[in-house]
Amino acid sequence: MEFMEAVKTCIRKYATFKGRADRPEFWYWVLFTWILSMIAYTIDTAIFGSTDPLTRSLLASNIIVFITVVPTMAVSVRRLHDVGRSGWWFLLTFTVIGALLLLYWYASPSKNIRLADSV
């Protein structure tokens, strides 16, 4: 899967938590959101001037997070389905140890198992 194809797929499946997402789809989406975040950070710094995170406004960065949070969660859950895990494992994102485990699963190869409709 190419970069633009992966981004288009994630946008098209904006809130689709069923199905599967292969490694390129997931990692290209992560790269896309990282690039958007860096652009937004640059815009925030250019407009508001301060680089001090306590005193500077993060308007553009917050807009990017708001726009990308649902598709990021959706592609993450679909990626977990692709490695044979339940989407509920995504909740480990909110723990330090769990985030490391998720990173391992996101980098793992796809499994050729079929979950019940790829729940």
PDB file of N, CA and C in Angstrom:
ATOM      1  N   MET A   1       0.847  -1.169   0.000  1.00  0.00           N
ATOM      2  CA  MET A   1       0.000   0.000   0.000  1.00  0.00           C
ATOM      3  C   MET A   1       0.902   1.245   0.000  1.00  0.00           C
ATOM      4  N   GLU A   2       0.599   2.170  -0.882  1.00  0.00           N
ATOM      5  CA  GLU A   2       1.341   3.417  -0.999  1.00  0.00           C
ATOM      6  C   GLU A   2       0.900   4.420   0.073  1.00  0.00           C
ATOM      7  N   PHE A   3       1.712   5.463   0.267  1.00  0.00           N
ATOM      8  CA  PHE A   3       1.440   6.468   1.287  1.00  0.00           C
ATOM      9  C   PHE A   3       0.069   7.126   1.091  1.00  0.00           C
ATOM     10  N   MET A   4      -0.184   7.672  -0.089  1.00  0.00           N
ATOM     11  CA  MET A   4      -1.440   8.392  -0.324  1.00  0.00           C
ATOM     12  C   MET A   4      -2.644   7.442  -0.280  1.00  0.00           C
ATOM     13  N   GLU A   5      -2.472   6.227  -0.745  1.00  0.00           N
ATOM     14  CA  GLU A   5      -3.555   5.236  -0.683  1.00  0.00           C
ATOM     15  C   GLU A   5      -3.909   4.920   0.776  1.00  0.00           C
ATOM     16  N   ALA A   6      -2.906   4.800   1.619  1.00  0.00           N
ATOM     17  CA  ALA A   6      -3.140   4.525   3.038  1.00  0.00           C
ATOM     18  C   ALA A   6      -3.852   5.693   3.710  1.00  0.00           C
ATOM     19  N   VAL A   7      -3.439   6.903   3.410  1.00  0.00           N
ATOM     20  CA  VAL A   7      -4.068   8.084   3.992  1.00  0.00           C
ATOM     21  C   VAL A   7      -5.526   8.177   3.536  1.00  0.00           C
ATOM     22  N   LYS A   8      -5.763   7.963   2.253  1.00  0.00           N
ATOM     23  CA  LYS A   8      -7.132   8.004   1.724  1.00  0.00           C
ATOM     24  C   LYS A   8      -7.997   6.923   2.367  1.00  0.00           C
ATOM     25  N   THR A   9      -7.434   5.740   2.567  1.00  0.00           N
ATOM     26  CA  THR A   9      -8.177   4.651   3.203  1.00  0.00           C
ATOM     27  C   THR A   9      -8.563   5.021   4.629  1.00  0.00           C
ATOM     28  N   CYS A  10      -7.631   5.590   5.365  1.00  0.00           N
ATOM     29  CA  CYS A  10      -7.926   5.970   6.752  1.00  0.00           C
ATOM     30  C   CYS A  10      -8.951   7.094   6.815  1.00  0.00           C
ATOM     31  N   ILE A  11      -8.893   8.010   5.881  1.00  0.00           N
ATOM     32  CA  ILE A  11      -9.888   9.081   5.853  1.00  0.00           C
ATOM     33  C   ILE A  11     -11.248   8.522   5.460  1.00  0.00           C
ATOM     34  N   ARG A  12     -11.277   7.627   4.473  1.00  0.00           N
ATOM     35  CA  ARG A  12     -12.534   7.014   4.034  1.00  0.00           C
ATOM     36  C   ARG A  12     -13.155   6.159   5.148  1.00  0.00           C
ATOM     37  N   LYS A  13     -12.310   5.489   5.920  1.00  0.00           N
ATOM     38  CA  LYS A  13     -12.780   4.658   7.035  1.00  0.00           C
ATOM     39  C   LYS A  13     -12.645   5.432   8.343  1.00  0.00           C
ATOM     40  N   TYR A  14     -13.012   6.690   8.319  1.00  0.00           N
ATOM     41  CA  TYR A  14     -12.818   7.635   9.417  1.00  0.00           C
ATOM     42  C   TYR A  14     -13.193   7.058  10.781  1.00  0.00           C
ATOM     43  N   ALA A  15     -14.342   6.439  10.887  1.00  0.00           N
ATOM     44  CA  ALA A  15     -14.805   5.908  12.178  1.00  0.00           C
ATOM     45  C   ALA A  15     -15.189   4.432  12.054  1.00  0.00           C
ATOM     46  N   THR A  16     -14.488   3.702  11.202  1.00  0.00           N
ATOM     47  CA  THR A  16     -14.751   2.272  11.015  1.00  0.00           C
ATOM     48  C   THR A  16     -13.813   1.480  11.920  1.00  0.00           C
ATOM     49  N   PHE A  17     -14.407   0.862  12.927  1.00  0.00           N
ATOM     50  CA  PHE A  17     -13.613   0.102  13.884  1.00  0.00           C
ATOM     51  C   PHE A  17     -13.645  -1.396  13.594  1.00  0.00           C
ATOM     52  N   LYS A  18     -14.378  -1.791  12.579  1.00  0.00           N
ATOM     53  CA  LYS A  18     -14.404  -3.199  12.163  1.00  0.00           C
ATOM     54  C   LYS A  18     -13.472  -3.376  10.986  1.00  0.00           C
ATOM     55  N   GLY A  19     -12.994  -4.597  10.828  1.00  0.00           N
ATOM     56  CA  GLY A  19     -12.104  -4.878   9.721  1.00  0.00           C
ATOM     57  C   GLY A  19     -10.660  -4.921  10.168  1.00  0.00           C
ATOM     58  N   ARG A  20      -9.778  -4.861   9.182  1.00  0.00           N
ATOM     59  CA  ARG A  20      -8.355  -4.992   9.449  1.00  0.00           C
ATOM     60  C   ARG A  20      -7.581  -3.884   8.760  1.00  0.00           C
ATOM     61  N   ALA A  21      -6.435  -3.565   9.318  1.00  0.00           N
ATOM     62  CA  ALA A  21      -5.508  -2.608   8.708  1.00  0.00           C
ATOM     63  C   ALA A  21      -4.120  -3.235   8.716  1.00  0.00           C
ATOM     64  N   ASP A  22      -3.511  -3.347   7.540  1.00  0.00           N
ATOM     65  CA  ASP A  22      -2.179  -3.938   7.490  1.00  0.00           C
ATOM     66  C   ASP A  22      -1.134  -2.927   7.971  1.00  0.00           C
ATOM     67  N   ARG A  23       0.086  -3.404   8.107  1.00  0.00           N
ATOM     68  CA  ARG A  23       1.152  -2.552   8.653  1.00  0.00           C
ATOM     69  C   ARG A  23       1.366  -1.265   7.859  1.00  0.00           C
ATOM     70  N   PRO A  24       1.461  -1.340   6.526  1.00  0.00           N
ATOM     71  CA  PRO A  24       1.682  -0.076   5.798  1.00  0.00           C
ATOM     72  C   PRO A  24       0.561   0.947   6.018  1.00  0.00           C
ATOM     73  N   GLU A  25      -0.689   0.494   6.028  1.00  0.00           N
ATOM     74  CA  GLU A  25      -1.800   1.427   6.254  1.00  0.00           C
ATOM     75  C   GLU A  25      -1.640   2.126   7.606  1.00  0.00           C
ATOM     76  N   PHE A  26      -1.353   1.356   8.627  1.00  0.00           N
ATOM     77  CA  PHE A  26      -1.211   1.921   9.966  1.00  0.00           C
ATOM     78  C   PHE A  26      -0.024   2.875  10.054  1.00  0.00           C
ATOM     79  N   TRP A  27       1.157   2.420   9.617  1.00  0.00           N
ATOM     80  CA  TRP A  27       2.364   3.228   9.792  1.00  0.00           C
ATOM     81  C   TRP A  27       2.386   4.442   8.874  1.00  0.00           C
ATOM     82  N   TYR A  28       1.807   4.349   7.678  1.00  0.00           N
ATOM     83  CA  TYR A  28       1.700   5.540   6.826  1.00  0.00           C
ATOM     84  C   TYR A  28       0.753   6.557   7.457  1.00  0.00           C
ATOM     85  N   TRP A  29      -0.310   6.092   8.111  1.00  0.00           N
ATOM     86  CA  TRP A  29      -1.201   7.026   8.801  1.00  0.00           C
ATOM     87  C   TRP A  29      -0.467   7.698   9.965  1.00  0.00           C
ATOM     88  N   VAL A  30       0.325   6.952  10.709  1.00  0.00           N
ATOM     89  CA  VAL A  30       1.111   7.519  11.807  1.00  0.00           C
ATOM     90  C   VAL A  30       2.071   8.577  11.253  1.00  0.00           C
ATOM     91  N   LEU A  31       2.736   8.274  10.147  1.00  0.00           N
ATOM     92  CA  LEU A  31       3.647   9.233   9.517  1.00  0.00           C
ATOM     93  C   LEU A  31       2.886  10.488   9.077  1.00  0.00           C
ATOM     94  N   PHE A  32       1.726  10.299   8.463  1.00  0.00           N
ATOM     95  CA  PHE A  32       0.900  11.419   8.006  1.00  0.00           C
ATOM     96  C   PHE A  32       0.505  12.324   9.175  1.00  0.00           C
ATOM     97  N   THR A  33       0.043  11.734  10.275  1.00  0.00           N
ATOM     98  CA  THR A  33      -0.371  12.549  11.422  1.00  0.00           C
ATOM     99  C   THR A  33       0.836  13.229  12.071  1.00  0.00           C
ATOM    100  N   TRP A  34       1.987  12.577  12.056  1.00  0.00           N
ATOM    101  CA  TRP A  34       3.201  13.196  12.590  1.00  0.00           C
ATOM    102  C   TRP A  34       3.592  14.410  11.755  1.00  0.00           C
ATOM    103  N   ILE A  35       3.543  14.264  10.420  1.00  0.00           N
ATOM    104  CA  ILE A  35       3.866  15.388   9.529  1.00  0.00           C
ATOM    105  C   ILE A  35       2.894  16.544   9.763  1.00  0.00           C
ATOM    106  N   LEU A  36       1.592  16.234   9.853  1.00  0.00           N
ATOM    107  CA  LEU A  36       0.601  17.278  10.136  1.00  0.00           C
ATOM    108  C   LEU A  36       0.887  17.968  11.463  1.00  0.00           C
ATOM    109  N   SER A  37       1.253  17.193  12.467  1.00  0.00           N
ATOM    110  CA  SER A  37       1.552  17.761  13.785  1.00  0.00           C
ATOM    111  C   SER A  37       2.763  18.692  13.736  1.00  0.00           C
ATOM    112  N   MET A  38       3.792  18.321  12.983  1.00  0.00           N
ATOM    113  CA  MET A  38       4.979  19.166  12.868  1.00  0.00           C
ATOM    114  C   MET A  38       4.643  20.467  12.130  1.00  0.00           C
ATOM    115  N   ILE A  39       3.815  20.372  11.104  1.00  0.00           N
ATOM    116  CA  ILE A  39       3.384  21.574  10.388  1.00  0.00           C
ATOM    117  C   ILE A  39       2.578  22.471  11.323  1.00  0.00           C
ATOM    118  N   ALA A  40       1.667  21.887  12.081  1.00  0.00           N
ATOM    119  CA  ALA A  40       0.843  22.660  13.013  1.00  0.00           C
ATOM    120  C   ALA A  40       1.711  23.305  14.088  1.00  0.00           C
ATOM    121  N   TYR A  41       2.694  22.591  14.587  1.00  0.00           N
ATOM    122  CA  TYR A  41       3.609  23.146  15.593  1.00  0.00           C
ATOM    123  C   TYR A  41       4.361  24.347  15.026  1.00  0.00           C
ATOM    124  N   THR A  42       4.810  24.219  13.775  1.00  0.00           N
ATOM    125  CA  THR A  42       5.510  25.318  13.117  1.00  0.00           C
ATOM    126  C   THR A  42       4.596  26.527  12.956  1.00  0.00           C
ATOM    127  N   ILE A  43       3.354  26.282  12.568  1.00  0.00           N
ATOM    128  CA  ILE A  43       2.383  27.370  12.430  1.00  0.00           C
ATOM    129  C   ILE A  43       2.130  28.031  13.779  1.00  0.00           C
ATOM    130  N   ASP A  44       1.935  27.233  14.800  1.00  0.00           N
ATOM    131  CA  ASP A  44       1.724  27.780  16.151  1.00  0.00           C
ATOM    132  C   ASP A  44       2.899  28.653  16.584  1.00  0.00           C
ATOM    133  N   THR A  45       4.101  28.178  16.340  1.00  0.00           N
ATOM    134  CA  THR A  45       5.294  28.929  16.731  1.00  0.00           C
ATOM    135  C   THR A  45       5.418  30.214  15.919  1.00  0.00           C
ATOM    136  N   ALA A  46       5.113  30.142  14.625  1.00  0.00           N
ATOM    137  CA  ALA A  46       5.215  31.321  13.766  1.00  0.00           C
ATOM    138  C   ALA A  46       4.179  32.381  14.143  1.00  0.00           C
ATOM    139  N   ILE A  47       2.971  31.943  14.448  1.00  0.00           N
ATOM    140  CA  ILE A  47       1.901  32.899  14.751  1.00  0.00           C
ATOM    141  C   ILE A  47       2.014  33.444  16.167  1.00  0.00           C
ATOM    142  N   PHE A  48       2.238  32.575  17.109  1.00  0.00           N
ATOM    143  CA  PHE A  48       2.198  32.990  18.512  1.00  0.00           C
ATOM    144  C   PHE A  48       3.575  33.287  19.094  1.00  0.00           C
ATOM    145  N   GLY A  49       4.635  32.937  18.366  1.00  0.00           N
ATOM    146  CA  GLY A  49       5.974  33.368  18.709  1.00  0.00           C
ATOM    147  C   GLY A  49       6.706  32.627  19.803  1.00  0.00           C
ATOM    148  N   SER A  50       6.058  32.265  20.848  1.00  0.00           N
ATOM    149  CA  SER A  50       6.741  31.669  21.985  1.00  0.00           C
ATOM    150  C   SER A  50       6.990  30.187  21.758  1.00  0.00           C
ATOM    151  N   THR A  51       8.144  29.725  22.181  1.00  0.00           N
ATOM    152  CA  THR A  51       8.425  28.285  22.112  1.00  0.00           C
ATOM    153  C   THR A  51       8.249  27.632  23.477  1.00  0.00           C
ATOM    154  N   ASP A  52       7.938  28.437  24.477  1.00  0.00           N
ATOM    155  CA  ASP A  52       7.697  27.917  25.819  1.00  0.00           C
ATOM    156  C   ASP A  52       6.322  27.245  25.842  1.00  0.00           C
ATOM    157  N   PRO A  53       6.259  25.929  26.094  1.00  0.00           N
ATOM    158  CA  PRO A  53       4.977  25.225  26.035  1.00  0.00           C
ATOM    159  C   PRO A  53       3.960  25.693  27.065  1.00  0.00           C
ATOM    160  N   LEU A  54       4.408  26.374  28.114  1.00  0.00           N
ATOM    161  CA  LEU A  54       3.475  26.837  29.138  1.00  0.00           C
ATOM    162  C   LEU A  54       2.800  28.156  28.773  1.00  0.00           C
ATOM    163  N   THR A  55       3.438  28.944  27.921  1.00  0.00           N
ATOM    164  CA  THR A  55       2.882  30.254  27.613  1.00  0.00           C
ATOM    165  C   THR A  55       2.379  30.388  26.178  1.00  0.00           C
ATOM    166  N   ARG A  56       2.589  29.401  25.353  1.00  0.00           N
ATOM    167  CA  ARG A  56       2.247  29.541  23.942  1.00  0.00           C
ATOM    168  C   ARG A  56       0.929  28.858  23.651  1.00  0.00           C
ATOM    169  N   SER A  57       0.233  29.391  22.680  1.00  0.00           N
ATOM    170  CA  SER A  57      -1.040  28.812  22.261  1.00  0.00           C
ATOM    171  C   SER A  57      -0.780  27.656  21.299  1.00  0.00           C
ATOM    172  N   LEU A  58      -1.581  26.648  21.386  1.00  0.00           N
ATOM    173  CA  LEU A  58      -1.451  25.477  20.517  1.00  0.00           C
ATOM    174  C   LEU A  58      -2.686  25.321  19.635  1.00  0.00           C
ATOM    175  N   LEU A  59      -3.180  26.416  19.091  1.00  0.00           N
ATOM    176  CA  LEU A  59      -4.414  26.389  18.324  1.00  0.00           C
ATOM    177  C   LEU A  59      -4.350  25.421  17.149  1.00  0.00           C
ATOM    178  N   ALA A  60      -3.372  25.558  16.276  1.00  0.00           N
ATOM    179  CA  ALA A  60      -3.267  24.689  15.102  1.00  0.00           C
ATOM    180  C   ALA A  60      -3.031  23.235  15.514  1.00  0.00           C
ATOM    181  N   SER A  61      -2.187  23.039  16.507  1.00  0.00           N
ATOM    182  CA  SER A  61      -1.909  21.675  16.977  1.00  0.00           C
ATOM    183  C   SER A  61      -3.162  21.018  17.542  1.00  0.00           C
ATOM    184  N   ASN A  62      -3.941  21.768  18.300  1.00  0.00           N
ATOM    185  CA  ASN A  62      -5.184  21.219  18.861  1.00  0.00           C
ATOM    186  C   ASN A  62      -6.199  20.892  17.773  1.00  0.00           C
ATOM    187  N   ILE A  63      -6.253  21.708  16.734  1.00  0.00           N
ATOM    188  CA  ILE A  63      -7.160  21.424  15.611  1.00  0.00           C
ATOM    189  C   ILE A  63      -6.758  20.114  14.934  1.00  0.00           C
ATOM    190  N   ILE A  64      -5.469  19.911  14.710  1.00  0.00           N
ATOM    191  CA  ILE A  64      -4.985  18.670  14.083  1.00  0.00           C
ATOM    192  C   ILE A  64      -5.324  17.465  14.955  1.00  0.00           C
ATOM    193  N   VAL A  65      -5.110  17.567  16.245  1.00  0.00           N
ATOM    194  CA  VAL A  65      -5.447  16.464  17.152  1.00  0.00           C
ATOM    195  C   VAL A  65      -6.937  16.179  17.091  1.00  0.00           C
ATOM    196  N   PHE A  66      -7.749  17.217  17.130  1.00  0.00           N
ATOM    197  CA  PHE A  66      -9.205  17.056  17.089  1.00  0.00           C
ATOM    198  C   PHE A  66      -9.650  16.352  15.803  1.00  0.00           C
ATOM    199  N   ILE A  67      -9.042  16.692  14.684  1.00  0.00           N
ATOM    200  CA  ILE A  67      -9.419  16.114  13.390  1.00  0.00           C
ATOM    201  C   ILE A  67      -8.942  14.668  13.263  1.00  0.00           C
ATOM    202  N   THR A  68      -7.778  14.345  13.813  1.00  0.00           N
ATOM    203  CA  THR A  68      -7.180  13.028  13.577  1.00  0.00           C
ATOM    204  C   THR A  68      -7.391  12.006  14.686  1.00  0.00           C
ATOM    205  N   VAL A  69      -7.983  12.376  15.798  1.00  0.00           N
ATOM    206  CA  VAL A  69      -8.075  11.441  16.927  1.00  0.00           C
ATOM    207  C   VAL A  69      -8.969  10.242  16.598  1.00  0.00           C
ATOM    208  N   VAL A  70     -10.111  10.448  15.983  1.00  0.00           N
ATOM    209  CA  VAL A  70     -11.014   9.326  15.692  1.00  0.00           C
ATOM    210  C   VAL A  70     -10.426   8.400  14.625  1.00  0.00           C
ATOM    211  N   PRO A  71      -9.927   8.915  13.485  1.00  0.00           N
ATOM    212  CA  PRO A  71      -9.338   7.975  12.523  1.00  0.00           C
ATOM    213  C   PRO A  71      -8.100   7.261  13.057  1.00  0.00           C
ATOM    214  N   THR A  72      -7.357   7.905  13.957  1.00  0.00           N
ATOM    215  CA  THR A  72      -6.190   7.247  14.549  1.00  0.00           C
ATOM    216  C   THR A  72      -6.626   6.100  15.452  1.00  0.00           C
ATOM    217  N   MET A  73      -7.656   6.334  16.256  1.00  0.00           N
ATOM    218  CA  MET A  73      -8.181   5.250  17.093  1.00  0.00           C
ATOM    219  C   MET A  73      -8.727   4.119  16.216  1.00  0.00           C
ATOM    220  N   ALA A  74      -9.435   4.466  15.145  1.00  0.00           N
ATOM    221  CA  ALA A  74     -10.029   3.450  14.276  1.00  0.00           C
ATOM    222  C   ALA A  74      -8.964   2.598  13.597  1.00  0.00           C
ATOM    223  N   VAL A  75      -7.940   3.227  13.030  1.00  0.00           N
ATOM    224  CA  VAL A  75      -6.896   2.448  12.354  1.00  0.00           C
ATOM    225  C   VAL A  75      -6.103   1.626  13.370  1.00  0.00           C
ATOM    226  N   SER A  76      -5.963   2.124  14.587  1.00  0.00           N
ATOM    227  CA  SER A  76      -5.269   1.360  15.630  1.00  0.00           C
ATOM    228  C   SER A  76      -6.049   0.106  16.000  1.00  0.00           C
ATOM    229  N   VAL A  77      -7.354   0.239  16.141  1.00  0.00           N
ATOM    230  CA  VAL A  77      -8.196  -0.919  16.453  1.00  0.00           C
ATOM    231  C   VAL A  77      -8.183  -1.905  15.294  1.00  0.00           C
ATOM    232  N   ARG A  78      -8.268  -1.407  14.071  1.00  0.00           N
ATOM    233  CA  ARG A  78      -8.221  -2.315  12.903  1.00  0.00           C
ATOM    234  C   ARG A  78      -6.866  -3.017  12.823  1.00  0.00           C
ATOM    235  N   ARG A  79      -5.796  -2.324  13.198  1.00  0.00           N
ATOM    236  CA  ARG A  79      -4.468  -2.950  13.208  1.00  0.00           C
ATOM    237  C   ARG A  79      -4.404  -4.063  14.251  1.00  0.00           C
ATOM    238  N   LEU A  80      -4.996  -3.818  15.412  1.00  0.00           N
ATOM    239  CA  LEU A  80      -5.042  -4.870  16.433  1.00  0.00           C
ATOM    240  C   LEU A  80      -5.812  -6.081  15.919  1.00  0.00           C
ATOM    241  N   HIS A  81      -6.902  -5.858  15.202  1.00  0.00           N
ATOM    242  CA  HIS A  81      -7.642  -6.978  14.621  1.00  0.00           C
ATOM    243  C   HIS A  81      -6.756  -7.763  13.664  1.00  0.00           C
ATOM    244  N   ASP A  82      -5.906  -7.057  12.916  1.00  0.00           N
ATOM    245  CA  ASP A  82      -5.051  -7.702  11.926  1.00  0.00           C
ATOM    246  C   ASP A  82      -3.992  -8.593  12.559  1.00  0.00           C
ATOM    247  N   VAL A  83      -3.631  -8.313  13.804  1.00  0.00           N
ATOM    248  CA  VAL A  83      -2.642  -9.164  14.487  1.00  0.00           C
ATOM    249  C   VAL A  83      -3.322 -10.154  15.429  1.00  0.00           C
ATOM    250  N   GLY A  84      -4.646 -10.266  15.324  1.00  0.00           N
ATOM    251  CA  GLY A  84      -5.370 -11.269  16.091  1.00  0.00           C
ATOM    252  C   GLY A  84      -5.750 -10.840  17.496  1.00  0.00           C
ATOM    253  N   ARG A  85      -5.819  -9.549  17.755  1.00  0.00           N
ATOM    254  CA  ARG A  85      -6.172  -9.038  19.080  1.00  0.00           C
ATOM    255  C   ARG A  85      -7.519  -8.334  19.029  1.00  0.00           C
ATOM    256  N   SER A  86      -8.156  -8.251  20.159  1.00  0.00           N
ATOM    257  CA  SER A  86      -9.400  -7.502  20.277  1.00  0.00           C
ATOM    258  C   SER A  86      -9.090  -6.007  20.257  1.00  0.00           C
ATOM    259  N   GLY A  87     -10.002  -5.226  19.726  1.00  0.00           N
ATOM    260  CA  GLY A  87      -9.834  -3.787  19.703  1.00  0.00           C
ATOM    261  C   GLY A  87      -9.807  -3.164  21.084  1.00  0.00           C
ATOM    262  N   TRP A  88     -10.348  -3.867  22.060  1.00  0.00           N
ATOM    263  CA  TRP A  88     -10.346  -3.344  23.430  1.00  0.00           C
ATOM    264  C   TRP A  88      -8.934  -3.185  23.984  1.00  0.00           C
ATOM    265  N   TRP A  89      -7.968  -3.900  23.417  1.00  0.00           N
ATOM    266  CA  TRP A  89      -6.585  -3.757  23.848  1.00  0.00           C
ATOM    267  C   TRP A  89      -6.080  -2.342  23.603  1.00  0.00           C
ATOM    268  N   PHE A  90      -6.751  -1.587  22.742  1.00  0.00           N
ATOM    269  CA  PHE A  90      -6.357  -0.207  22.475  1.00  0.00           C
ATOM    270  C   PHE A  90      -6.341   0.633  23.758  1.00  0.00           C
ATOM    271  N   LEU A  91      -7.138   0.262  24.727  1.00  0.00           N
ATOM    272  CA  LEU A  91      -7.196   1.016  25.987  1.00  0.00           C
ATOM    273  C   LEU A  91      -5.865   0.998  26.727  1.00  0.00           C
ATOM    274  N   LEU A  92      -4.979   0.068  26.375  1.00  0.00           N
ATOM    275  CA  LEU A  92      -3.645   0.046  26.976  1.00  0.00           C
ATOM    276  C   LEU A  92      -2.831   1.275  26.597  1.00  0.00           C
ATOM    277  N   THR A  93      -3.299   2.030  25.617  1.00  0.00           N
ATOM    278  CA  THR A  93      -2.625   3.262  25.205  1.00  0.00           C
ATOM    279  C   THR A  93      -2.417   4.190  26.399  1.00  0.00           C
ATOM    280  N   PHE A  94      -3.320   4.125  27.354  1.00  0.00           N
ATOM    281  CA  PHE A  94      -3.302   5.055  28.473  1.00  0.00           C
ATOM    282  C   PHE A  94      -2.401   4.606  29.627  1.00  0.00           C
ATOM    283  N   THR A  95      -1.625   3.553  29.402  1.00  0.00           N
ATOM    284  CA  THR A  95      -0.647   3.103  30.391  1.00  0.00           C
ATOM    285  C   THR A  95       0.726   3.049  29.725  1.00  0.00           C
ATOM    286  N   VAL A  96       1.779   3.211  30.495  1.00  0.00           N
ATOM    287  CA  VAL A  96       3.126   3.229  29.925  1.00  0.00           C
ATOM    288  C   VAL A  96       3.515   1.838  29.421  1.00  0.00           C
ATOM    289  N   ILE A  97       3.369   0.846  30.259  1.00  0.00           N
ATOM    290  CA  ILE A  97       3.737  -0.517  29.870  1.00  0.00           C
ATOM    291  C   ILE A  97       2.856  -0.990  28.722  1.00  0.00           C
ATOM    292  N   GLY A  98       1.574  -0.691  28.787  1.00  0.00           N
ATOM    293  CA  GLY A  98       0.646  -1.086  27.742  1.00  0.00           C
ATOM    294  C   GLY A  98       0.972  -0.462  26.403  1.00  0.00           C
ATOM    295  N   ALA A  99       1.432   0.774  26.417  1.00  0.00           N
ATOM    296  CA  ALA A  99       1.797   1.444  25.168  1.00  0.00           C
ATOM    297  C   ALA A  99       2.967   0.723  24.496  1.00  0.00           C
ATOM    298  N   LEU A 100       3.891   0.221  25.282  1.00  0.00           N
ATOM    299  CA  LEU A 100       5.011  -0.544  24.719  1.00  0.00           C
ATOM    300  C   LEU A 100       4.530  -1.850  24.101  1.00  0.00           C
ATOM    301  N   LEU A 101       3.599  -2.520  24.765  1.00  0.00           N
ATOM    302  CA  LEU A 101       3.030  -3.751  24.227  1.00  0.00           C
ATOM    303  C   LEU A 101       2.278  -3.462  22.925  1.00  0.00           C
ATOM    304  N   LEU A 102       1.526  -2.390  22.903  1.00  0.00           N
ATOM    305  CA  LEU A 102       0.809  -2.012  21.684  1.00  0.00           C
ATOM    306  C   LEU A 102       1.783  -1.725  20.548  1.00  0.00           C
ATOM    307  N   LEU A 103       2.866  -1.037  20.834  1.00  0.00           N
ATOM    308  CA  LEU A 103       3.867  -0.753  19.813  1.00  0.00           C
ATOM    309  C   LEU A 103       4.408  -2.055  19.217  1.00  0.00           C
ATOM    310  N   TYR A 104       4.633  -3.046  20.059  1.00  0.00           N
ATOM    311  CA  TYR A 104       5.084  -4.354  19.584  1.00  0.00           C
ATOM    312  C   TYR A 104       4.034  -4.976  18.657  1.00  0.00           C
ATOM    313  N   TRP A 105       2.767  -4.943  19.068  1.00  0.00           N
ATOM    314  CA  TRP A 105       1.705  -5.524  18.242  1.00  0.00           C
ATOM    315  C   TRP A 105       1.530  -4.763  16.933  1.00  0.00           C
ATOM    316  N   TYR A 106       1.626  -3.435  16.977  1.00  0.00           N
ATOM    317  CA  TYR A 106       1.483  -2.643  15.753  1.00  0.00           C
ATOM    318  C   TYR A 106       2.583  -2.966  14.752  1.00  0.00           C
ATOM    319  N   ALA A 107       3.767  -3.328  15.252  1.00  0.00           N
ATOM    320  CA  ALA A 107       4.884  -3.658  14.371  1.00  0.00           C
ATOM    321  C   ALA A 107       4.903  -5.129  13.953  1.00  0.00           C
ATOM    322  N   SER A 108       4.055  -5.947  14.559  1.00  0.00           N
ATOM    323  CA  SER A 108       4.022  -7.383  14.264  1.00  0.00           C
ATOM    324  C   SER A 108       3.410  -7.651  12.893  1.00  0.00           C
ATOM    325  N   PRO A 109       3.799  -8.772  12.279  1.00  0.00           N
ATOM    326  CA  PRO A 109       3.193  -9.127  10.993  1.00  0.00           C
ATOM    327  C   PRO A 109       1.730  -9.536  11.162  1.00  0.00           C
ATOM    328  N   SER A 110       0.993  -9.435  10.083  1.00  0.00           N
ATOM    329  CA  SER A 110      -0.423  -9.809  10.087  1.00  0.00           C
ATOM    330  C   SER A 110      -0.577 -11.295  10.359  1.00  0.00           C
ATOM    331  N   LYS A 111      -1.695 -11.640  10.970  1.00  0.00           N
ATOM    332  CA  LYS A 111      -2.023 -13.051  11.191  1.00  0.00           C
ATOM    333  C   LYS A 111      -3.096 -13.449  10.186  1.00  0.00           C
ATOM    334  N   ASN A 112      -3.013 -14.669   9.735  1.00  0.00           N
ATOM    335  CA  ASN A 112      -3.995 -15.154   8.772  1.00  0.00           C
ATOM    336  C   ASN A 112      -5.163 -15.837   9.459  1.00  0.00           C
ATOM    337  N   ILE A 113      -5.592 -15.276  10.579  1.00  0.00           N
ATOM    338  CA  ILE A 113      -6.749 -15.820  11.283  1.00  0.00           C
ATOM    339  C   ILE A 113      -7.946 -14.951  10.963  1.00  0.00           C
ATOM    340  N   ARG A 114      -9.107 -15.501  11.141  1.00  0.00           N
ATOM    341  CA  ARG A 114     -10.314 -14.736  10.893  1.00  0.00           C
ATOM    342  C   ARG A 114     -11.071 -14.620  12.197  1.00  0.00           C
ATOM    343  N   LEU A 115     -11.157 -13.413  12.705  1.00  0.00           N
ATOM    344  CA  LEU A 115     -11.991 -13.176  13.862  1.00  0.00           C
ATOM    345  C   LEU A 115     -13.441 -13.098  13.400  1.00  0.00           C
ATOM    346  N   ALA A 116     -14.368 -13.228  14.301  1.00  0.00           N
ATOM    347  CA  ALA A 116     -15.790 -13.138  13.951  1.00  0.00           C
ATOM    348  C   ALA A 116     -16.049 -11.782  13.305  1.00  0.00           C
ATOM    349  N   ASP A 117     -16.089 -11.747  11.979  1.00  0.00           N
ATOM    350  CA  ASP A 117     -16.273 -10.521  11.203  1.00  0.00           C
ATOM    351  C   ASP A 117     -15.238  -9.467  11.539  1.00  0.00           C
ATOM    352  N   SER A 118     -14.044  -9.903  11.931  1.00  0.00           N
ATOM    353  CA  SER A 118     -12.963  -8.994  12.312  1.00  0.00           C
ATOM    354  C   SER A 118     -13.429  -7.950  13.308  1.00  0.00           C
ATOM    355  N   VAL A 119     -13.992  -8.435  14.382  1.00  0.00           N
ATOM    356  CA  VAL A 119     -14.568  -7.567  15.414  1.00  0.00           C
ATOM    357  C   VAL A 119     -13.605  -6.585  15.827  1.00  0.00           C
TER     358      VAL A 119
END
